């Protein structure tokens, strides 16, 4: 049985997933940058936040990005 990655969206380019973005970096990297900026560049907190994101579905991640990264 093949293992399906639950959050494949995280590895897609921002511009391919969101029509409002022109960023070529993966969603995962955009979220990392977002968390680093929001917590004063605390790597431990950012890692914890990313673990929470990894546990979410693609729909939940998409919703979070729309609410928090869309400018």
N, C-alpha and C. Protein backbone atom coordinates (compact mmCIF):
# COMPACT_ATOMS: atom_id res chain seq x y z
N UNK A 1 0.84 -1.18 0.00
CA UNK A 1 0.00 0.00 0.00
C UNK A 1 0.88 1.24 0.00
N UNK A 2 0.58 2.17 -0.88
CA UNK A 2 1.34 3.41 -0.98
C UNK A 2 0.98 4.36 0.15
N UNK A 3 1.96 5.07 0.64
CA UNK A 3 1.74 6.06 1.67
C UNK A 3 1.45 7.39 0.98
N UNK A 4 0.32 7.97 1.30
CA UNK A 4 -0.06 9.24 0.71
C UNK A 4 0.25 10.34 1.70
N UNK A 5 0.98 11.33 1.24
CA UNK A 5 1.33 12.45 2.11
C UNK A 5 0.07 13.27 2.35
N UNK A 6 -0.24 13.48 3.61
CA UNK A 6 -1.48 14.16 3.99
C UNK A 6 -1.50 15.62 3.55
N UNK A 7 -0.38 16.28 3.58
CA UNK A 7 -0.33 17.71 3.28
C UNK A 7 0.54 17.99 2.06
N UNK A 8 0.18 17.42 0.94
CA UNK A 8 0.94 17.64 -0.30
C UNK A 8 0.94 19.11 -0.68
N UNK A 9 -0.08 19.83 -0.26
CA UNK A 9 -0.18 21.25 -0.55
C UNK A 9 1.06 22.00 -0.07
N UNK A 10 1.64 21.58 1.01
CA UNK A 10 2.80 22.26 1.59
C UNK A 10 3.99 22.30 0.65
N UNK A 11 4.07 21.36 -0.26
CA UNK A 11 5.21 21.30 -1.16
C UNK A 11 4.96 21.98 -2.50
N UNK A 12 3.75 22.48 -2.71
CA UNK A 12 3.41 23.20 -3.94
C UNK A 12 3.89 24.65 -3.84
N UNK A 13 4.16 25.25 -4.98
CA UNK A 13 4.56 26.67 -5.00
C UNK A 13 3.37 27.53 -4.64
N UNK A 14 3.63 28.59 -3.91
CA UNK A 14 2.56 29.51 -3.52
C UNK A 14 1.77 29.98 -4.73
N UNK A 15 2.46 30.35 -5.80
CA UNK A 15 1.80 30.89 -6.99
C UNK A 15 0.95 29.86 -7.71
N UNK A 16 1.23 28.58 -7.52
CA UNK A 16 0.45 27.53 -8.16
C UNK A 16 -0.81 27.21 -7.36
N UNK A 17 -0.79 27.49 -6.07
CA UNK A 17 -1.91 27.16 -5.20
C UNK A 17 -2.85 28.35 -5.01
N UNK A 18 -2.27 29.54 -4.91
CA UNK A 18 -3.05 30.74 -4.61
C UNK A 18 -2.92 31.74 -5.75
N UNK A 19 -4.04 32.09 -6.36
CA UNK A 19 -3.99 33.01 -7.50
C UNK A 19 -3.57 34.42 -7.10
N UNK A 20 -3.62 34.75 -5.82
CA UNK A 20 -3.23 36.07 -5.34
C UNK A 20 -1.73 36.17 -5.06
N UNK A 21 -1.02 35.06 -5.15
CA UNK A 21 0.41 35.06 -4.83
C UNK A 21 1.25 34.93 -6.10
N UNK A 22 2.36 35.65 -6.11
CA UNK A 22 3.31 35.49 -7.21
C UNK A 22 4.62 34.87 -6.71
N UNK A 23 4.61 34.39 -5.47
CA UNK A 23 5.81 33.80 -4.86
C UNK A 23 6.07 32.41 -5.42
N UNK A 24 7.33 32.13 -5.72
CA UNK A 24 7.69 30.83 -6.27
C UNK A 24 8.13 29.84 -5.18
N UNK A 25 8.19 30.30 -3.93
CA UNK A 25 8.61 29.40 -2.87
C UNK A 25 7.45 28.49 -2.47
N UNK A 26 7.77 27.32 -1.93
CA UNK A 26 6.73 26.39 -1.49
C UNK A 26 5.91 26.96 -0.33
N UNK A 27 4.68 26.50 -0.22
CA UNK A 27 3.79 26.92 0.86
C UNK A 27 4.47 26.69 2.20
N UNK A 28 5.15 25.56 2.35
CA UNK A 28 5.85 25.23 3.60
C UNK A 28 6.84 26.33 3.99
N UNK A 29 7.61 26.82 3.02
CA UNK A 29 8.60 27.87 3.29
C UNK A 29 7.93 29.20 3.62
N UNK A 30 6.83 29.49 2.94
CA UNK A 30 6.10 30.73 3.23
C UNK A 30 5.54 30.70 4.65
N UNK A 31 5.05 29.54 5.06
CA UNK A 31 4.55 29.42 6.44
C UNK A 31 5.69 29.54 7.44
N UNK A 32 6.82 28.92 7.15
CA UNK A 32 7.98 29.02 8.03
C UNK A 32 8.37 30.49 8.22
N UNK A 33 8.47 31.21 7.11
CA UNK A 33 8.82 32.63 7.18
C UNK A 33 7.78 33.41 7.98
N UNK A 34 6.51 33.10 7.77
CA UNK A 34 5.42 33.77 8.50
C UNK A 34 5.56 33.54 10.00
N UNK A 35 5.78 32.30 10.40
CA UNK A 35 5.91 32.00 11.83
C UNK A 35 7.16 32.64 12.42
N UNK A 36 8.25 32.63 11.68
CA UNK A 36 9.48 33.25 12.17
C UNK A 36 9.27 34.74 12.41
N UNK A 37 8.61 35.41 11.49
CA UNK A 37 8.34 36.84 11.64
C UNK A 37 7.41 37.12 12.81
N UNK A 38 6.41 36.26 12.99
CA UNK A 38 5.40 36.53 14.01
C UNK A 38 5.86 36.21 15.43
N UNK A 39 6.90 35.41 15.58
CA UNK A 39 7.34 35.05 16.94
C UNK A 39 8.75 35.55 17.26
N UNK A 40 9.20 36.56 16.55
CA UNK A 40 10.51 37.15 16.85
C UNK A 40 11.67 36.26 16.48
N UNK A 41 11.51 35.45 15.45
CA UNK A 41 12.57 34.57 14.94
C UNK A 41 12.98 33.49 15.94
N UNK A 42 12.02 32.97 16.68
CA UNK A 42 12.26 31.88 17.62
C UNK A 42 12.09 30.56 16.88
N UNK A 43 13.20 29.91 16.61
CA UNK A 43 13.18 28.67 15.82
C UNK A 43 12.39 27.56 16.50
N UNK A 44 12.51 27.44 17.81
CA UNK A 44 11.77 26.40 18.53
C UNK A 44 10.26 26.60 18.41
N UNK A 45 9.80 27.83 18.56
CA UNK A 45 8.37 28.11 18.42
C UNK A 45 7.91 27.88 16.99
N UNK A 46 8.75 28.26 16.04
CA UNK A 46 8.39 28.06 14.63
C UNK A 46 8.29 26.58 14.32
N UNK A 47 9.21 25.80 14.82
CA UNK A 47 9.17 24.35 14.60
C UNK A 47 7.90 23.76 15.19
N UNK A 48 7.51 24.20 16.37
CA UNK A 48 6.28 23.72 17.01
C UNK A 48 5.06 24.10 16.17
N UNK A 49 5.06 25.31 15.66
CA UNK A 49 3.95 25.77 14.81
C UNK A 49 3.88 24.95 13.53
N UNK A 50 5.02 24.63 12.95
CA UNK A 50 5.04 23.85 11.72
C UNK A 50 4.56 22.42 11.97
N UNK A 51 4.85 21.88 13.15
CA UNK A 51 4.35 20.54 13.47
C UNK A 51 2.82 20.55 13.53
N UNK A 52 2.26 21.64 14.04
CA UNK A 52 0.80 21.77 14.07
C UNK A 52 0.25 21.83 12.66
N UNK A 53 0.92 22.56 11.79
CA UNK A 53 0.48 22.67 10.40
C UNK A 53 0.56 21.31 9.71
N UNK A 54 1.62 20.56 9.98
CA UNK A 54 1.78 19.23 9.38
C UNK A 54 0.64 18.29 9.74
N UNK A 55 0.01 18.52 10.87
CA UNK A 55 -1.10 17.67 11.32
C UNK A 55 -2.44 18.06 10.69
N UNK A 56 -2.47 19.18 9.98
CA UNK A 56 -3.71 19.67 9.39
C UNK A 56 -3.92 19.10 7.98
N UNK A 57 -5.15 19.13 7.54
CA UNK A 57 -5.46 18.71 6.17
C UNK A 57 -5.10 19.83 5.20
N UNK A 58 -5.07 19.50 3.92
CA UNK A 58 -4.78 20.53 2.91
C UNK A 58 -5.80 21.66 2.99
N UNK A 59 -7.06 21.33 3.20
CA UNK A 59 -8.10 22.37 3.29
C UNK A 59 -7.85 23.30 4.47
N UNK A 60 -7.43 22.73 5.59
CA UNK A 60 -7.14 23.55 6.77
C UNK A 60 -5.92 24.43 6.54
N UNK A 61 -4.91 23.89 5.89
CA UNK A 61 -3.71 24.67 5.59
C UNK A 61 -4.06 25.80 4.62
N UNK A 62 -4.83 25.48 3.59
CA UNK A 62 -5.24 26.49 2.61
C UNK A 62 -5.99 27.62 3.32
N UNK A 63 -6.90 27.27 4.20
CA UNK A 63 -7.68 28.26 4.94
C UNK A 63 -6.77 29.13 5.80
N UNK A 64 -5.81 28.52 6.49
CA UNK A 64 -4.89 29.27 7.34
C UNK A 64 -4.07 30.26 6.50
N UNK A 65 -3.57 29.79 5.38
CA UNK A 65 -2.76 30.66 4.51
C UNK A 65 -3.61 31.81 4.00
N UNK A 66 -4.82 31.52 3.57
CA UNK A 66 -5.71 32.58 3.07
C UNK A 66 -5.95 33.63 4.15
N UNK A 67 -6.15 33.21 5.38
CA UNK A 67 -6.45 34.13 6.47
C UNK A 67 -5.23 34.90 6.97
N UNK A 68 -4.04 34.30 6.87
CA UNK A 68 -2.88 34.89 7.52
C UNK A 68 -1.77 35.38 6.59
N UNK A 69 -1.70 34.88 5.39
CA UNK A 69 -0.61 35.30 4.50
C UNK A 69 -1.07 36.16 3.33
N UNK A 70 -2.36 36.13 3.04
CA UNK A 70 -2.87 36.94 1.93
C UNK A 70 -2.80 38.40 2.31
N UNK A 71 -2.22 39.20 1.45
CA UNK A 71 -2.04 40.63 1.73
C UNK A 71 -2.98 41.46 0.91
